[in-house]
Amino acid sequence: MRVTEETPAWVLPGEPAPVRMMNTIWADTAGVHDDLTTPAALRDWIALVNDQDAGGLDDPGLDELAEARALRDSLRRLAAVGTDDYRPAAQSPVGTVDEAVAAVNQALTHRPHTQLAVRDGQLERDNPRRASPTRTALAELAHHAIDLLTGSTAANLRACHAPGCVLYFVKTHPRREWCSEACGNRARAARHYQRIRNQRS
């Protein structure tokens, strides 16, 4: 991923794409924010994660934006279950795990794949019609999400419990506790402040 001066500071470029998709929901002192509010925002996010020039991509349709948000919210729901994440601000609008799984599987249906076909008694490769670039990107993301949620890294998926944070991250170092250094600093400051209050009580 290409990080520029315009890249938001909360973007965690070292995280896998499914985690970065989950983290399009983020928080600051003003509240919880959603970075996937327009087709152009989705186009820019796909370009950023895939290190592409957004100018060369078409804007997704509103239906594709809705599918992307449903996939994102479903991944957040599954991550919350996998990490025992009960942070109120991190809660997903997806009601059940079954609904979340169905959304991931629906996205996978747009993943290009070669099939075997018989035509005029001959075996041939059949390449089904490709989905839109947006749906293809979302399908690849869903595929990587399955690996993230069920593979060897699943045990390292974490919710960041720094004050006010709603992000997820993959723990890559035994001592890593937070999604970013900024969150680590906030958490340490909050603990220090609480110790001082306890001593004065």
Protein backbone atom coordinates (compact mmCIF):
# COMPACT_ATOMS: atom_id res chain seq x y z
CA MET A 1 0.00 0.00 0.00
CA ARG A 2 1.29 3.42 -0.92
CA VAL A 3 1.18 5.83 2.04
CA THR A 4 1.12 9.51 1.09
CA GLU A 5 0.65 12.78 2.95
CA GLU A 6 -3.09 12.48 2.23
CA THR A 7 -3.31 8.99 3.75
CA PRO A 8 -5.27 9.18 7.04
CA ALA A 9 -3.06 8.63 10.08
CA TRP A 10 -5.29 5.79 11.33
CA VAL A 11 -4.61 3.64 8.26
CA LEU A 12 -2.50 0.68 9.34
CA PRO A 13 -0.58 -0.21 6.17
CA GLY A 14 1.00 -3.33 7.64
CA GLU A 15 -2.34 -5.02 8.26
CA PRO A 16 -3.95 -7.53 5.87
CA ALA A 17 -6.57 -6.13 3.49
CA PRO A 18 -9.54 -7.62 5.39
CA VAL A 19 -8.38 -5.87 8.58
CA ARG A 20 -7.97 -2.60 6.70
CA MET A 21 -11.50 -3.07 5.36
CA MET A 22 -12.80 -3.57 8.92
CA ASN A 23 -10.91 -0.45 9.96
CA THR A 24 -12.83 1.79 7.58
CA ILE A 25 -14.94 2.15 10.72
CA TRP A 26 -12.78 4.20 13.09
CA ALA A 27 -13.11 6.58 16.00
CA ASP A 28 -11.60 9.75 17.36
CA THR A 29 -12.64 12.24 20.01
CA ALA A 30 -15.50 13.40 17.76
CA GLY A 31 -17.04 9.91 17.61
CA VAL A 32 -17.20 6.89 15.33
CA HIS A 33 -16.67 7.46 11.59
CA ASP A 34 -17.33 5.46 8.43
CA ASP A 35 -14.96 5.95 5.50
CA LEU A 36 -17.13 4.01 3.01
CA THR A 37 -19.95 6.49 2.54
CA THR A 38 -19.78 7.09 -1.22
CA PRO A 39 -18.92 5.09 -4.33
CA ALA A 40 -15.87 7.33 -4.81
CA ALA A 41 -14.68 6.55 -1.28
CA LEU A 42 -14.94 2.81 -2.02
CA ARG A 43 -13.05 3.30 -5.29
CA ASP A 44 -10.30 5.19 -3.47
CA TRP A 45 -10.11 2.55 -0.73
CA ILE A 46 -9.75 -0.28 -3.27
CA ALA A 47 -7.07 1.69 -5.10
CA LEU A 48 -5.17 2.41 -1.88
CA VAL A 49 -5.21 -1.19 -0.66
CA ASN A 50 -4.26 -2.58 -4.07
CA ASP A 51 -1.65 0.15 -4.69
CA GLN A 52 -3.44 1.36 -7.82
CA ASP A 53 -4.15 4.77 -9.26
CA ALA A 54 -7.75 5.61 -8.35
CA GLY A 55 -8.03 7.69 -11.51
CA GLY A 56 -7.90 4.53 -13.61
CA LEU A 57 -10.84 2.92 -11.80
CA ASP A 58 -14.53 3.49 -12.46
CA ASP A 59 -16.75 4.56 -9.59
CA PRO A 60 -18.63 1.58 -8.17
CA GLY A 61 -22.40 1.65 -8.28
CA LEU A 62 -24.54 2.25 -5.21
CA ASP A 63 -25.37 -1.47 -5.13
CA GLU A 64 -21.65 -2.30 -5.04
CA LEU A 65 -21.13 0.22 -2.25
CA ALA A 66 -23.93 -1.48 -0.29
CA GLU A 67 -22.29 -4.88 -0.87
CA ALA A 68 -18.91 -3.54 0.28
CA ARG A 69 -20.42 -2.10 3.45
CA ALA A 70 -22.28 -5.35 4.14
CA LEU A 71 -19.03 -7.29 3.69
CA ARG A 72 -17.14 -4.85 5.93
CA ASP A 73 -19.81 -4.99 8.66
CA SER A 74 -19.89 -8.79 8.41
CA LEU A 75 -16.13 -9.03 8.79
CA ARG A 76 -16.33 -6.78 11.84
CA ARG A 77 -19.05 -9.02 13.29
CA LEU A 78 -16.93 -12.14 12.74
CA ALA A 79 -13.82 -10.44 14.12
CA ALA A 80 -15.77 -9.36 17.21
CA VAL A 81 -16.83 -12.96 17.82
CA GLY A 82 -13.32 -14.28 17.21
CA THR A 83 -11.69 -11.77 19.55
CA ASP A 84 -14.41 -11.63 22.24
CA ASP A 85 -14.78 -7.95 21.40
CA TYR A 86 -17.58 -6.36 23.40
CA ARG A 87 -16.65 -2.70 22.86
CA PRO A 88 -19.98 -0.88 22.37
CA ALA A 89 -18.66 1.39 19.62
CA ALA A 90 -17.26 -1.60 17.73
CA GLN A 91 -20.58 -3.39 17.41
CA SER A 92 -21.65 -4.26 13.88
CA PRO A 93 -25.14 -3.75 12.46
CA VAL A 94 -24.99 -7.38 11.23
CA GLY A 95 -27.20 -9.25 13.67
CA THR A 96 -25.95 -12.82 13.62
CA VAL A 97 -22.87 -14.81 12.76
CA ASP A 98 -24.91 -16.72 10.17
CA GLU A 99 -25.80 -13.44 8.41
CA ALA A 100 -22.13 -12.43 8.46
CA VAL A 101 -21.02 -15.77 7.01
CA ALA A 102 -23.68 -15.50 4.29
CA ALA A 103 -22.41 -12.03 3.29
CA VAL A 104 -18.81 -13.29 3.01
CA ASN A 105 -19.95 -16.28 0.94
CA GLN A 106 -22.06 -14.03 -1.28
CA ALA A 107 -19.01 -11.87 -2.02
CA LEU A 108 -17.04 -14.99 -2.93
CA THR A 109 -19.47 -15.80 -5.74
CA HIS A 110 -17.89 -12.99 -7.78
CA ARG A 111 -14.38 -14.45 -7.56
CA PRO A 112 -13.16 -15.45 -11.04
CA HIS A 113 -12.54 -19.16 -11.31
CA THR A 114 -11.97 -21.58 -14.13
CA GLN A 115 -14.42 -24.41 -14.58
CA LEU A 116 -14.43 -27.53 -16.70
CA ALA A 117 -17.04 -27.79 -19.44
CA VAL A 118 -17.98 -30.23 -22.21
CA ARG A 119 -18.71 -28.72 -25.63
CA ASP A 120 -19.39 -30.86 -28.67
CA GLY A 121 -18.02 -33.87 -26.79
CA GLN A 122 -14.75 -32.11 -26.00
CA LEU A 123 -13.45 -31.03 -22.60
CA GLU A 124 -12.73 -27.32 -22.48
CA ARG A 125 -11.80 -24.70 -19.97
CA ASP A 126 -14.72 -22.44 -19.24
CA ASN A 127 -13.93 -18.98 -17.96
CA PRO A 128 -17.16 -17.51 -16.65
CA ARG A 129 -17.97 -13.88 -17.33
CA ARG A 130 -15.99 -11.71 -14.94
CA ALA A 131 -17.76 -9.56 -12.40
CA SER A 132 -17.17 -5.83 -12.20
CA PRO A 133 -13.73 -4.75 -10.96
CA THR A 134 -15.28 -3.70 -7.64
CA ARG A 135 -17.04 -7.01 -7.08
CA THR A 136 -13.90 -8.89 -8.12
CA ALA A 137 -11.88 -6.89 -5.57
CA LEU A 138 -14.46 -7.58 -2.87
CA ALA A 139 -14.43 -11.29 -3.74
CA GLU A 140 -10.65 -11.40 -3.36
CA LEU A 141 -11.00 -9.59 -0.06
CA ALA A 142 -13.57 -12.16 1.13
CA HIS A 143 -11.21 -14.97 0.11
CA HIS A 144 -8.36 -13.41 2.13
CA ALA A 145 -10.76 -12.86 5.03
CA ILE A 146 -11.49 -16.59 5.21
CA ASP A 147 -7.76 -17.23 5.50
CA LEU A 148 -7.47 -14.52 8.16
CA LEU A 149 -10.41 -15.80 10.22
CA THR A 150 -9.68 -19.53 9.96
CA GLY A 151 -5.98 -19.87 9.17
CA SER A 152 -2.83 -19.69 11.24
CA THR A 153 -3.21 -15.95 11.86
CA ALA A 154 -6.72 -16.26 13.34
CA ALA A 155 -5.34 -16.60 16.87
CA ASN A 156 -3.40 -13.35 16.39
CA LEU A 157 -6.38 -11.22 15.35
CA ARG A 158 -7.00 -8.66 18.08
CA ALA A 159 -9.35 -5.83 18.95
CA CYS A 160 -7.54 -2.70 20.08
CA HIS A 161 -8.74 -1.86 23.59
CA ALA A 162 -7.12 1.56 23.82
CA PRO A 163 -9.58 4.21 25.02
CA GLY A 164 -11.96 5.15 22.22
CA CYS A 165 -10.47 2.83 19.59
CA VAL A 166 -12.65 0.54 17.46
CA LEU A 167 -9.90 -0.89 15.21
CA TYR A 168 -8.63 -4.44 14.74
CA PHE A 169 -5.08 -5.61 14.10
CA VAL A 170 -3.03 -8.77 13.70
CA LYS A 171 -0.58 -9.24 16.57
CA THR A 172 2.79 -9.58 14.86
CA HIS A 173 5.00 -9.28 17.93
CA PRO A 174 4.55 -10.96 21.34
CA ARG A 175 4.60 -7.60 23.14
CA ARG A 176 2.20 -5.81 20.79
CA GLU A 177 -1.03 -4.88 22.58
CA TRP A 178 -2.42 -2.02 20.50
CA CYS A 179 -3.23 -1.28 16.87
CA SER A 180 -0.76 1.62 16.79
CA GLU A 181 1.78 3.47 18.88
CA ALA A 182 -0.72 6.32 19.32
CA CYS A 183 -3.23 3.92 20.88
CA GLY A 184 -0.50 2.45 23.08
CA ASN A 185 0.37 5.94 24.32
CA ARG A 186 -3.31 6.71 25.05
CA ALA A 187 -3.75 3.44 26.93
CA ARG A 188 -0.62 4.02 29.03
CA ALA A 189 -1.70 7.58 29.79
CA ALA A 190 -5.17 6.37 30.82
CA ARG A 191 -3.66 3.72 33.12
CA HIS A 192 -1.33 6.33 34.65
CA TYR A 193 -4.20 8.74 35.20
CA GLN A 194 -6.27 5.96 36.83
CA ARG A 195 -3.38 5.03 39.18
CA ILE A 196 -3.06 8.66 40.28
CA ARG A 197 -6.81 8.89 40.92
CA ASN A 198 -6.73 5.64 42.90
CA GLN A 199 -3.84 6.94 45.05
CA ARG A 200 -5.77 10.13 45.83
CA SER A 201 -8.91 8.21 46.80
